[in-house]
Amino acid sequence: MNQLRAAINSLFNWKQNPASVFFFAIPLALIGFGCLGAVAYFQWAMNGDLVYAGISLAGLILLVVALLPAYRMHRRLQGMRSPG
């Protein structure tokens, strides 16, 4: 029972474990972009409308631009930790 409580505490106590928020954020983002892609595809297939495809492409570009600095920082930190 204590192990279960510790596991739940590590998942939901974001003040002590801020990295555990990604266990929820990444699947939700994937589901959201999947739904956005499905809407864009259905709008294109049924109505010939490419506006939703443009919106989803713009959202994807914004996501990449927003996450690129954090990814580069993560790569630099990993390089600093590795011996050699």
N, C-alpha and C. Protein backbone atom coordinates (compact mmCIF):
# COMPACT_ATOMS: atom_id res chain seq x y z
N MET A 1 0.81 -1.19 0.00
CA MET A 1 0.00 0.00 0.00
C MET A 1 0.86 1.26 0.00
N ASN A 2 1.99 1.21 0.74
CA ASN A 2 2.87 2.36 0.78
C ASN A 2 3.54 2.62 -0.56
N GLN A 3 3.82 1.54 -1.30
CA GLN A 3 4.42 1.72 -2.62
C GLN A 3 3.43 2.39 -3.58
N LEU A 4 2.18 2.01 -3.49
CA LEU A 4 1.15 2.62 -4.33
C LEU A 4 0.99 4.10 -3.98
N ARG A 5 0.98 4.38 -2.70
CA ARG A 5 0.85 5.78 -2.26
C ARG A 5 2.06 6.60 -2.72
N ALA A 6 3.25 6.01 -2.66
CA ALA A 6 4.46 6.72 -3.11
C ALA A 6 4.42 6.95 -4.62
N ALA A 7 3.93 5.96 -5.38
CA ALA A 7 3.83 6.12 -6.83
C ALA A 7 2.83 7.21 -7.20
N ILE A 8 1.69 7.21 -6.53
CA ILE A 8 0.68 8.24 -6.80
C ILE A 8 1.21 9.61 -6.38
N ASN A 9 1.91 9.66 -5.27
CA ASN A 9 2.48 10.92 -4.81
C ASN A 9 3.51 11.45 -5.79
N SER A 10 4.32 10.57 -6.36
CA SER A 10 5.33 11.03 -7.32
C SER A 10 4.70 11.49 -8.63
N LEU A 11 3.53 10.94 -8.97
CA LEU A 11 2.86 11.37 -10.19
C LEU A 11 2.13 12.70 -10.03
N PHE A 12 1.48 12.90 -8.91
CA PHE A 12 0.61 14.05 -8.76
C PHE A 12 1.18 15.17 -7.89
N ASN A 13 2.30 14.96 -7.24
CA ASN A 13 2.91 16.03 -6.46
C ASN A 13 3.92 16.75 -7.36
N TRP A 14 3.40 17.69 -8.14
CA TRP A 14 4.22 18.36 -9.15
C TRP A 14 5.15 19.39 -8.55
N LYS A 15 4.91 19.77 -7.31
CA LYS A 15 5.82 20.72 -6.68
C LYS A 15 7.15 20.04 -6.36
N GLN A 16 7.11 18.79 -5.93
CA GLN A 16 8.34 18.06 -5.63
C GLN A 16 8.91 17.37 -6.86
N ASN A 17 8.05 16.91 -7.77
CA ASN A 17 8.48 16.20 -8.97
C ASN A 17 7.90 16.89 -10.21
N PRO A 18 8.47 18.02 -10.63
CA PRO A 18 7.87 18.74 -11.75
C PRO A 18 7.95 18.00 -13.08
N ALA A 19 8.87 17.06 -13.22
CA ALA A 19 8.99 16.33 -14.49
C ALA A 19 7.85 15.36 -14.70
N SER A 20 7.12 15.00 -13.65
CA SER A 20 6.04 14.03 -13.80
C SER A 20 4.83 14.60 -14.53
N VAL A 21 4.80 15.92 -14.73
CA VAL A 21 3.69 16.50 -15.48
C VAL A 21 3.71 16.02 -16.93
N PHE A 22 4.88 15.64 -17.44
CA PHE A 22 4.98 15.20 -18.82
C PHE A 22 4.33 13.84 -19.05
N PHE A 23 4.13 13.06 -17.99
CA PHE A 23 3.40 11.80 -18.15
C PHE A 23 1.96 12.04 -18.56
N PHE A 24 1.44 13.23 -18.25
CA PHE A 24 0.08 13.59 -18.65
C PHE A 24 0.07 14.51 -19.86
N ALA A 25 1.03 15.42 -19.94
CA ALA A 25 1.02 16.44 -20.99
C ALA A 25 1.31 15.85 -22.37
N ILE A 26 2.25 14.95 -22.47
CA ILE A 26 2.63 14.41 -23.78
C ILE A 26 1.50 13.59 -24.39
N PRO A 27 0.87 12.65 -23.68
CA PRO A 27 -0.26 11.95 -24.31
C PRO A 27 -1.42 12.87 -24.66
N LEU A 28 -1.70 13.86 -23.82
CA LEU A 28 -2.78 14.79 -24.14
C LEU A 28 -2.45 15.62 -25.38
N ALA A 29 -1.20 16.02 -25.53
CA ALA A 29 -0.80 16.78 -26.72
C ALA A 29 -0.91 15.90 -27.97
N LEU A 30 -0.49 14.65 -27.86
CA LEU A 30 -0.60 13.74 -29.01
C LEU A 30 -2.05 13.49 -29.40
N ILE A 31 -2.91 13.32 -28.41
CA ILE A 31 -4.34 13.13 -28.70
C ILE A 31 -4.91 14.39 -29.34
N GLY A 32 -4.54 15.55 -28.83
CA GLY A 32 -5.03 16.81 -29.38
C GLY A 32 -4.59 17.03 -30.81
N PHE A 33 -3.32 16.80 -31.10
CA PHE A 33 -2.85 16.97 -32.47
C PHE A 33 -3.40 15.89 -33.39
N GLY A 34 -3.64 14.70 -32.86
CA GLY A 34 -4.28 13.66 -33.66
C GLY A 34 -5.70 14.04 -34.05
N CYS A 35 -6.44 14.59 -33.09
CA CYS A 35 -7.81 15.04 -33.40
C CYS A 35 -7.80 16.21 -34.37
N LEU A 36 -6.85 17.12 -34.20
CA LEU A 36 -6.74 18.26 -35.11
C LEU A 36 -6.40 17.78 -36.52
N GLY A 37 -5.52 16.78 -36.62
CA GLY A 37 -5.20 16.21 -37.93
C GLY A 37 -6.39 15.50 -38.55
N ALA A 38 -7.18 14.82 -37.73
CA ALA A 38 -8.37 14.13 -38.25
C ALA A 38 -9.40 15.12 -38.77
N VAL A 39 -9.60 16.22 -38.04
CA VAL A 39 -10.53 17.25 -38.50
C VAL A 39 -10.03 17.87 -39.80
N ALA A 40 -8.73 18.13 -39.87
CA ALA A 40 -8.16 18.71 -41.09
C ALA A 40 -8.35 17.76 -42.27
N TYR A 41 -8.12 16.48 -42.05
CA TYR A 41 -8.28 15.51 -43.14
C TYR A 41 -9.74 15.42 -43.59
N PHE A 42 -10.66 15.34 -42.64
CA PHE A 42 -12.07 15.22 -43.01
C PHE A 42 -12.58 16.49 -43.70
N GLN A 43 -12.13 17.64 -43.27
CA GLN A 43 -12.53 18.87 -43.95
C GLN A 43 -11.99 18.90 -45.38
N TRP A 44 -10.77 18.42 -45.56
CA TRP A 44 -10.19 18.38 -46.90
C TRP A 44 -10.90 17.34 -47.77
N ALA A 45 -11.18 16.16 -47.20
CA ALA A 45 -11.78 15.08 -47.98
C ALA A 45 -13.24 15.38 -48.34
N MET A 46 -13.99 15.98 -47.43
CA MET A 46 -15.42 16.20 -47.67
C MET A 46 -15.72 17.53 -48.33
N ASN A 47 -14.96 18.57 -47.99
CA ASN A 47 -15.29 19.90 -48.49
C ASN A 47 -14.21 20.50 -49.38
N GLY A 48 -13.07 19.86 -49.48
CA GLY A 48 -11.96 20.44 -50.24
C GLY A 48 -11.37 21.66 -49.56
N ASP A 49 -11.57 21.79 -48.26
CA ASP A 49 -11.14 22.96 -47.49
C ASP A 49 -9.78 22.67 -46.86
N LEU A 50 -8.79 23.49 -47.19
CA LEU A 50 -7.44 23.29 -46.65
C LEU A 50 -7.12 24.24 -45.49
N VAL A 51 -8.11 24.97 -45.00
CA VAL A 51 -7.87 25.92 -43.92
C VAL A 51 -7.45 25.19 -42.64
N TYR A 52 -8.12 24.10 -42.33
CA TYR A 52 -7.78 23.34 -41.12
C TYR A 52 -6.39 22.71 -41.23
N ALA A 53 -6.01 22.32 -42.42
CA ALA A 53 -4.65 21.80 -42.62
C ALA A 53 -3.63 22.90 -42.36
N GLY A 54 -3.92 24.11 -42.80
CA GLY A 54 -3.03 25.24 -42.52
C GLY A 54 -2.95 25.56 -41.05
N ILE A 55 -4.09 25.48 -40.37
CA ILE A 55 -4.11 25.73 -38.93
C ILE A 55 -3.29 24.68 -38.19
N SER A 56 -3.45 23.41 -38.56
CA SER A 56 -2.69 22.36 -37.89
C SER A 56 -1.21 22.46 -38.21
N LEU A 57 -0.86 22.85 -39.43
CA LEU A 57 0.55 23.04 -39.78
C LEU A 57 1.15 24.21 -39.00
N ALA A 58 0.40 25.30 -38.88
CA ALA A 58 0.88 26.44 -38.10
C ALA A 58 1.05 26.06 -36.62
N GLY A 59 0.13 25.27 -36.09
CA GLY A 59 0.25 24.81 -34.71
C GLY A 59 1.47 23.92 -34.51
N LEU A 60 1.73 23.07 -35.47
CA LEU A 60 2.90 22.20 -35.39
C LEU A 60 4.19 23.01 -35.47
N ILE A 61 4.23 24.01 -36.33
CA ILE A 61 5.41 24.87 -36.43
C ILE A 61 5.62 25.64 -35.13
N LEU A 62 4.54 26.16 -34.56
CA LEU A 62 4.66 26.86 -33.27
C LEU A 62 5.15 25.93 -32.17
N LEU A 63 4.69 24.70 -32.17
CA LEU A 63 5.14 23.72 -31.18
C LEU A 63 6.64 23.46 -31.31
N VAL A 64 7.11 23.29 -32.54
CA VAL A 64 8.54 23.04 -32.76
C VAL A 64 9.36 24.25 -32.34
N VAL A 65 8.92 25.45 -32.71
CA VAL A 65 9.65 26.67 -32.35
C VAL A 65 9.67 26.85 -30.83
N ALA A 66 8.60 26.50 -30.16
CA ALA A 66 8.54 26.66 -28.71
C ALA A 66 9.40 25.64 -27.97
N LEU A 67 9.47 24.42 -28.49
CA LEU A 67 10.20 23.37 -27.78
C LEU A 67 11.65 23.23 -28.20
N LEU A 68 12.06 23.86 -29.29
CA LEU A 68 13.43 23.72 -29.77
C LEU A 68 14.47 24.24 -28.77
N PRO A 69 14.30 25.40 -28.13
CA PRO A 69 15.30 25.83 -27.15
C PRO A 69 15.44 24.86 -25.97
N ALA A 70 14.34 24.33 -25.50
CA ALA A 70 14.42 23.37 -24.39
C ALA A 70 15.13 22.09 -24.83
N TYR A 71 14.89 21.65 -26.05
CA TYR A 71 15.55 20.45 -26.55
C TYR A 71 17.06 20.69 -26.68
N ARG A 72 17.44 21.85 -27.20
CA ARG A 72 18.87 22.16 -27.33
C ARG A 72 19.54 22.24 -25.97
N MET A 73 18.87 22.83 -24.99
CA MET A 73 19.42 22.91 -23.65
C MET A 73 19.59 21.51 -23.05
N HIS A 74 18.61 20.65 -23.28
CA HIS A 74 18.69 19.28 -22.79
C HIS A 74 19.88 18.55 -23.41
N ARG A 75 20.10 18.75 -24.70
CA ARG A 75 21.23 18.10 -25.37
C ARG A 75 22.57 18.61 -24.82
N ARG A 76 22.66 19.92 -24.57
CA ARG A 76 23.90 20.46 -24.01
C ARG A 76 24.15 19.91 -22.61
N LEU A 77 23.10 19.80 -21.80
CA LEU A 77 23.28 19.28 -20.44
C LEU A 77 23.71 17.82 -20.47
N GLN A 78 23.18 17.04 -21.39
CA GLN A 78 23.60 15.64 -21.49
C GLN A 78 25.06 15.56 -21.91
N GLY A 79 25.50 16.43 -22.80
CA GLY A 79 26.90 16.44 -23.22
C GLY A 79 27.84 16.82 -22.10
N MET A 80 27.39 17.68 -21.20
CA MET A 80 28.22 18.09 -20.07
C MET A 80 28.36 16.97 -19.05
N ARG A 81 27.35 16.14 -18.92
CA ARG A 81 27.37 15.07 -17.91
C ARG A 81 28.18 13.87 -18.35
N SER A 82 28.26 13.63 -19.65
CA SER A 82 28.95 12.42 -20.11
C SER A 82 30.46 12.60 -19.96
N PRO A 83 31.13 11.56 -19.46
CA PRO A 83 32.58 11.65 -19.29
C PRO A 83 33.28 11.58 -20.65
N GLY A 84 34.31 12.36 -20.79
CA GLY A 84 35.10 12.27 -22.02
C GLY A 84 35.19 13.50 -22.70
